[in-house]
Amino acid sequence: MPPGIGIVRSLAFTKVATYCSQYNAVYNKLVELDDVPDTIQAYQQNLMVRNIASYVGWADWADVFYLFAQQYNDGGGALINLINPGTFDATLIGGTELTFTSLEGFSRSGINQYIRTHYNLSSDGINYSLNDAMTCCYLRTDAPSLDYLLGTFDGVNGSFILPYNGGGPSSLFRINDNASLTSIAGPVNKGFYLANRTASNAREAFINGISKGSDAQASTAIPDLEMYIMARNNSGSADQYLDGQVSAFGIGGSITGPQSLILTNAIEALMDFNDKGII
């Protein structure tokens, strides 16, 4: 065999993983934390990020985006803020009683457990603002009780999603206002929930990318509180803890109805690839 032929063939048939710039920053952080997903998982995560960045937005849309359904979390990889790793990374309150399940996310196995975002809606907003705001969360399992998927409430104004509100069943949404929007969620209280405000007099609730209700409720104020996940931040104290499993979370500026469906489908495609999807 002539010299060099083996090397040429090796290079020709070696696939080098390349990621979009947005996911490359995430991947580098996962390497730093020693929570590196395998090549197939990284490829699928990159695909999700690339689709969201291309058709919904990235740092120009969201301030915080978590993929709790990471492959590993030994070093905290499932808690990083994908938009800007190292800023507003989440922490678990309640320690080991919050259970991490690979490729699924976090669930609560005790009392008084929730996830802190370290993100104050009033003072930390970049894309999130009074009349241009969005919150969303992927609830993978049923939550058949009056508990909050995410939330803040200062006694008057709130931004929250209550996936189950009893008979119907129905869900309650509020975003920078003092009156709850009721939306019919259907017989199963799980899926991808999104609250959206596009103007001072326009808000809308989405479940699994489909509009479930809109109204002209006026915005009143942004709660000067940190957003909690799997609980409500009630004037600085957590309450109404969620019994359920969360797989992803985002907060930022408002999006359109078609973008809500694209965002839902991008996350669900990753979950479905791992046989963990529920939509």
Protein backbone atom coordinates (compact mmCIF):
# COMPACT_ATOMS: atom_id res chain seq x y z
CA MET A 1 0.00 0.00 0.00
CA PRO A 2 1.48 3.40 -0.98
CA PRO A 3 2.40 5.65 1.95
CA GLY A 4 -0.40 7.87 3.22
CA ILE A 5 -3.36 5.96 1.78
CA GLY A 6 -4.52 4.67 5.17
CA ILE A 7 -4.46 8.15 6.65
CA VAL A 8 -6.47 9.60 3.76
CA ARG A 9 -9.16 6.93 4.11
CA SER A 10 -9.33 7.49 7.85
CA LEU A 11 -9.92 11.21 7.42
CA ALA A 12 -12.46 10.66 4.66
CA PHE A 13 -14.66 8.39 6.74
CA THR A 14 -14.30 10.08 10.15
CA LYS A 15 -17.31 12.20 11.01
CA VAL A 16 -16.45 15.30 13.03
CA ALA A 17 -19.33 16.58 15.16
CA THR A 18 -20.16 20.21 14.45
CA TYR A 19 -22.79 22.20 16.30
CA CYS A 20 -24.55 25.50 15.80
CA SER A 21 -22.98 28.36 17.73
CA GLN A 22 -25.80 28.44 20.28
CA TYR A 23 -25.48 24.76 21.17
CA ASN A 24 -21.69 24.84 21.01
CA ALA A 25 -21.68 27.14 24.07
CA VAL A 26 -23.97 24.69 25.85
CA TYR A 27 -21.87 21.69 24.88
CA ASN A 28 -18.67 23.37 26.10
CA LYS A 29 -20.34 24.01 29.48
CA LEU A 30 -21.43 20.37 29.69
CA VAL A 31 -17.82 19.35 28.99
CA GLU A 32 -16.66 21.68 31.78
CA LEU A 33 -19.16 20.11 34.20
CA ASP A 34 -18.26 16.57 33.08
CA ASP A 35 -21.88 15.95 32.10
CA VAL A 36 -21.17 15.43 28.40
CA PRO A 37 -24.04 13.70 26.55
CA ASP A 38 -23.15 10.96 24.13
CA THR A 39 -22.76 11.85 20.45
CA ILE A 40 -26.29 10.86 19.48
CA GLN A 41 -27.82 12.86 22.34
CA ALA A 42 -25.67 15.88 21.57
CA TYR A 43 -26.75 15.72 17.93
CA GLN A 44 -30.44 15.68 18.92
CA GLN A 45 -29.99 18.51 21.43
CA ASN A 46 -28.20 20.54 18.78
CA LEU A 47 -31.10 19.93 16.40
CA MET A 48 -33.57 21.18 19.00
CA VAL A 49 -31.51 24.30 19.73
CA ARG A 50 -30.92 25.02 16.04
CA ASN A 51 -34.64 24.80 15.22
CA ILE A 52 -35.60 27.05 18.12
CA ALA A 53 -32.87 29.57 17.31
CA SER A 54 -33.78 29.62 13.62
CA TYR A 55 -37.56 29.95 13.89
CA VAL A 56 -38.32 31.35 17.35
CA GLY A 57 -35.15 33.08 18.55
CA TRP A 58 -32.41 32.54 21.07
CA ALA A 59 -30.69 35.27 23.10
CA ASP A 60 -32.89 37.79 21.28
CA TRP A 61 -35.99 36.01 22.56
CA ALA A 62 -35.37 34.11 25.80
CA ASP A 63 -33.52 35.16 28.93
CA VAL A 64 -33.53 31.70 30.48
CA PHE A 65 -34.04 28.27 28.93
CA TYR A 66 -33.40 25.02 30.80
CA LEU A 67 -33.33 21.49 29.45
CA PHE A 68 -33.92 19.51 32.62
CA ALA A 69 -34.20 16.34 30.51
CA GLN A 70 -30.45 16.14 30.07
CA GLN A 71 -28.66 12.80 29.90
CA TYR A 72 -26.53 13.49 32.99
CA ASN A 73 -26.63 15.79 35.99
CA ASP A 74 -23.68 14.69 38.14
CA GLY A 75 -22.08 18.12 37.78
CA GLY A 76 -25.27 20.15 37.36
CA GLY A 77 -25.55 19.86 33.58
CA ALA A 78 -29.34 19.67 33.70
CA LEU A 79 -29.50 23.01 35.52
CA ILE A 80 -27.57 25.28 33.17
CA ASN A 81 -29.19 28.17 31.34
CA LEU A 82 -28.82 27.18 27.70
CA ILE A 83 -29.19 30.80 26.55
CA ASN A 84 -26.09 31.94 28.43
CA PRO A 85 -24.51 29.11 30.46
CA GLY A 86 -23.22 30.34 33.80
CA THR A 87 -25.89 33.03 34.18
CA PHE A 88 -29.19 32.25 35.92
CA ASP A 89 -28.27 28.59 36.23
CA ALA A 90 -30.87 26.85 38.37
CA THR A 91 -30.41 25.31 41.81
CA LEU A 92 -32.44 22.66 43.59
CA ILE A 93 -34.05 23.53 46.90
CA GLY A 94 -34.54 20.45 49.02
CA GLY A 95 -31.40 18.65 47.92
CA THR A 96 -31.62 14.97 47.10
CA GLU A 97 -35.37 14.87 47.60
CA LEU A 98 -35.68 16.41 44.12
CA THR A 99 -35.14 13.38 41.90
CA PHE A 100 -33.32 13.63 38.58
CA THR A 101 -34.18 11.04 35.95
CA SER A 102 -31.97 10.88 32.86
CA LEU A 103 -33.66 12.22 29.70
CA GLU A 104 -36.82 13.04 31.68
CA GLY A 105 -36.09 15.81 34.19
CA PHE A 106 -36.83 16.56 37.84
CA SER A 107 -39.62 15.39 40.11
CA ARG A 108 -40.37 15.96 43.78
CA SER A 109 -40.15 13.09 46.24
CA GLY A 110 -40.54 15.02 49.49
CA ILE A 111 -42.08 18.23 50.79
CA ASN A 112 -40.87 21.81 50.35
CA GLN A 113 -38.80 21.08 47.24
CA TYR A 114 -38.67 23.32 44.18
CA ILE A 115 -36.27 24.80 41.61
CA ARG A 116 -34.78 28.28 41.92
CA THR A 117 -34.02 30.23 38.75
CA HIS A 118 -32.22 33.17 40.44
CA TYR A 119 -34.03 35.28 37.84
CA ASN A 120 -36.02 38.27 39.13
CA LEU A 121 -38.71 39.19 36.64
CA SER A 122 -38.55 42.89 37.46
CA SER A 123 -34.80 43.54 37.70
CA ASP A 124 -33.25 40.79 35.52
CA GLY A 125 -35.46 41.03 32.45
CA ILE A 126 -33.61 41.34 29.15
CA ASN A 127 -36.29 40.28 26.69
CA TYR A 128 -39.00 39.83 29.34
CA SER A 129 -40.84 43.11 29.94
CA LEU A 130 -44.21 44.38 31.12
CA ASN A 131 -46.01 44.14 27.78
CA ASP A 132 -43.74 41.71 25.95
CA ALA A 133 -43.40 38.54 28.01
CA MET A 134 -43.55 34.75 27.93
CA THR A 135 -43.15 31.88 30.37
CA CYS A 136 -43.28 28.19 29.50
CA CYS A 137 -42.66 24.77 31.01
CA TYR A 138 -42.86 21.14 29.90
CA LEU A 139 -44.79 19.08 32.46
CA ARG A 140 -44.14 15.44 31.68
CA THR A 141 -46.44 13.78 34.21
CA ASP A 142 -49.92 14.46 35.55
CA ALA A 143 -50.21 17.11 38.25
CA PRO A 144 -53.74 16.53 39.57
CA SER A 145 -53.65 19.03 42.40
CA LEU A 146 -53.88 22.79 42.90
CA ASP A 147 -50.14 23.40 42.61
CA TYR A 148 -47.99 25.72 40.55
CA LEU A 149 -45.90 24.67 37.57
CA LEU A 150 -44.09 28.01 37.81
CA GLY A 151 -44.94 31.25 39.48
CA THR A 152 -44.51 34.57 41.21
CA PHE A 153 -47.14 36.51 43.16
CA ASP A 154 -46.62 39.72 45.13
CA GLY A 155 -50.04 39.74 46.75
CA VAL A 156 -51.68 41.56 43.83
CA ASN A 157 -49.77 40.97 40.61
CA GLY A 158 -48.58 37.64 39.33
CA SER A 159 -46.94 35.66 36.56
CA PHE A 160 -47.76 31.99 36.94
CA ILE A 161 -49.12 28.81 35.42
CA LEU A 162 -51.40 26.56 37.45
CA PRO A 163 -51.87 23.45 35.28
CA TYR A 164 -54.79 22.04 37.26
CA ASN A 165 -57.55 24.08 38.82
CA GLY A 166 -60.09 21.44 39.67
CA GLY A 167 -63.35 20.68 37.89
CA GLY A 168 -63.27 20.63 34.15
CA PRO A 169 -60.37 20.34 34.51
CA SER A 170 -59.02 23.81 33.76
CA SER A 171 -55.71 25.67 33.99
CA LEU A 172 -54.99 29.19 35.21
CA PHE A 173 -52.51 31.57 33.60
CA ARG A 174 -51.39 35.03 34.63
CA ILE A 175 -48.63 37.18 33.15
CA ASN A 176 -47.81 40.59 34.63
CA ASP A 177 -51.40 41.19 35.74
CA ASN A 178 -53.90 40.74 38.55
CA ALA A 179 -56.58 38.54 36.98
CA SER A 180 -56.31 34.89 35.99
CA LEU A 181 -57.06 33.63 32.50
CA THR A 182 -58.85 30.27 32.55
CA SER A 183 -58.10 27.73 29.84
CA ILE A 184 -59.50 24.24 29.39
CA ALA A 185 -56.61 21.81 29.49
CA GLY A 186 -58.45 18.58 28.67
CA PRO A 187 -58.59 15.33 30.63
CA VAL A 188 -54.83 14.98 31.15
CA ASN A 189 -52.98 17.63 33.13
CA LYS A 190 -49.60 17.44 31.43
CA GLY A 191 -47.87 18.81 28.36
CA PHE A 192 -46.15 22.01 27.28
CA TYR A 193 -47.71 25.07 28.91
CA LEU A 194 -46.99 28.62 27.72
CA ALA A 195 -48.28 32.01 28.89
CA ASN A 196 -47.80 34.87 26.44
CA ARG A 197 -48.30 38.65 26.58
CA THR A 198 -47.87 40.64 23.37
CA ALA A 199 -49.25 44.02 24.46
CA SER A 200 -50.65 45.93 27.43
CA ASN A 201 -54.09 44.55 26.56
CA ALA A 202 -53.32 41.18 24.95
CA ARG A 203 -52.45 37.88 26.57
CA GLU A 204 -52.89 34.27 25.49
CA ALA A 205 -52.52 30.77 26.91
CA PHE A 206 -51.08 27.87 24.91
CA ILE A 207 -51.01 24.18 25.72
CA ASN A 208 -48.99 21.90 23.44
CA GLY A 209 -48.61 24.71 20.92
CA ILE A 210 -52.35 25.29 20.57
CA SER A 211 -54.11 28.44 21.79
CA LYS A 212 -56.49 27.67 24.65
CA GLY A 213 -57.75 31.16 25.26
CA SER A 214 -56.94 34.86 24.96
CA ASP A 215 -58.29 38.11 26.32
CA ALA A 216 -57.62 41.82 26.68
CA GLN A 217 -56.71 41.79 30.37
CA ALA A 218 -54.49 44.81 31.04
CA SER A 219 -50.98 44.40 32.34
CA THR A 220 -50.55 45.94 35.80
CA ALA A 221 -46.99 45.32 37.02
CA ILE A 222 -44.08 42.90 36.83
CA PRO A 223 -43.76 41.11 40.17
CA ASP A 224 -40.47 42.12 41.79
CA LEU A 225 -39.71 38.51 42.64
CA GLU A 226 -37.58 35.58 41.55
CA MET A 227 -39.35 33.03 39.37
CA TYR A 228 -39.71 29.60 40.98
CA ILE A 229 -40.40 26.32 39.19
CA MET A 230 -42.51 23.53 40.75
CA ALA A 231 -43.80 26.09 43.25
CA ARG A 232 -45.03 29.67 43.53
CA ASN A 233 -42.88 32.46 44.91
CA ASN A 234 -45.49 34.06 47.14
CA SER A 235 -43.94 37.38 48.20
CA GLY A 236 -40.62 35.69 48.92
CA SER A 237 -41.84 32.37 50.29
CA ALA A 238 -42.40 29.20 48.29
CA ASP A 239 -45.81 27.55 48.48
CA GLN A 240 -48.14 25.16 46.61
CA TYR A 241 -45.40 22.78 45.48
CA LEU A 242 -45.98 20.79 42.30
CA ASP A 243 -46.28 17.02 42.30
CA GLY A 244 -45.06 16.26 38.80
CA GLN A 245 -41.99 15.96 36.59
CA VAL A 246 -40.61 18.94 34.64
CA SER A 247 -38.45 18.53 31.54
CA ALA A 248 -37.85 22.05 30.20
CA PHE A 249 -38.50 25.69 31.12
CA GLY A 250 -38.20 29.08 29.43
CA ILE A 251 -38.82 32.76 30.10
CA GLY A 252 -38.36 35.74 27.81
CA GLY A 253 -40.12 37.93 25.29
CA SER A 254 -43.42 37.09 23.64
CA ILE A 255 -43.75 34.85 20.61
CA THR A 256 -46.39 34.31 17.93
CA GLY A 257 -48.87 31.45 17.78
CA PRO A 258 -46.94 29.66 15.00
CA GLN A 259 -43.71 30.09 16.97
CA SER A 260 -45.37 28.52 20.01
CA LEU A 261 -46.08 25.43 17.93
CA ILE A 262 -42.53 25.36 16.55
CA LEU A 263 -41.10 25.64 20.06
CA THR A 264 -43.36 22.86 21.28
CA ASN A 265 -42.47 20.59 18.36
CA ALA A 266 -38.72 21.19 18.74
CA ILE A 267 -38.77 20.14 22.40
CA GLU A 268 -41.17 17.27 21.79
CA ALA A 269 -39.00 15.92 18.95
CA LEU A 270 -36.12 15.51 21.40
CA MET A 271 -38.38 13.91 24.00
CA ASP A 272 -39.90 11.58 21.41
CA PHE A 273 -36.47 10.54 20.14
CA ASN A 274 -35.75 9.28 23.64
CA ASP A 275 -39.20 7.68 24.01
CA LYS A 276 -40.00 10.18 26.76
CA GLY A 277 -42.48 12.44 24.96
CA ILE A 278 -46.08 12.79 26.12
CA ILE A 279 -47.68 15.10 23.54
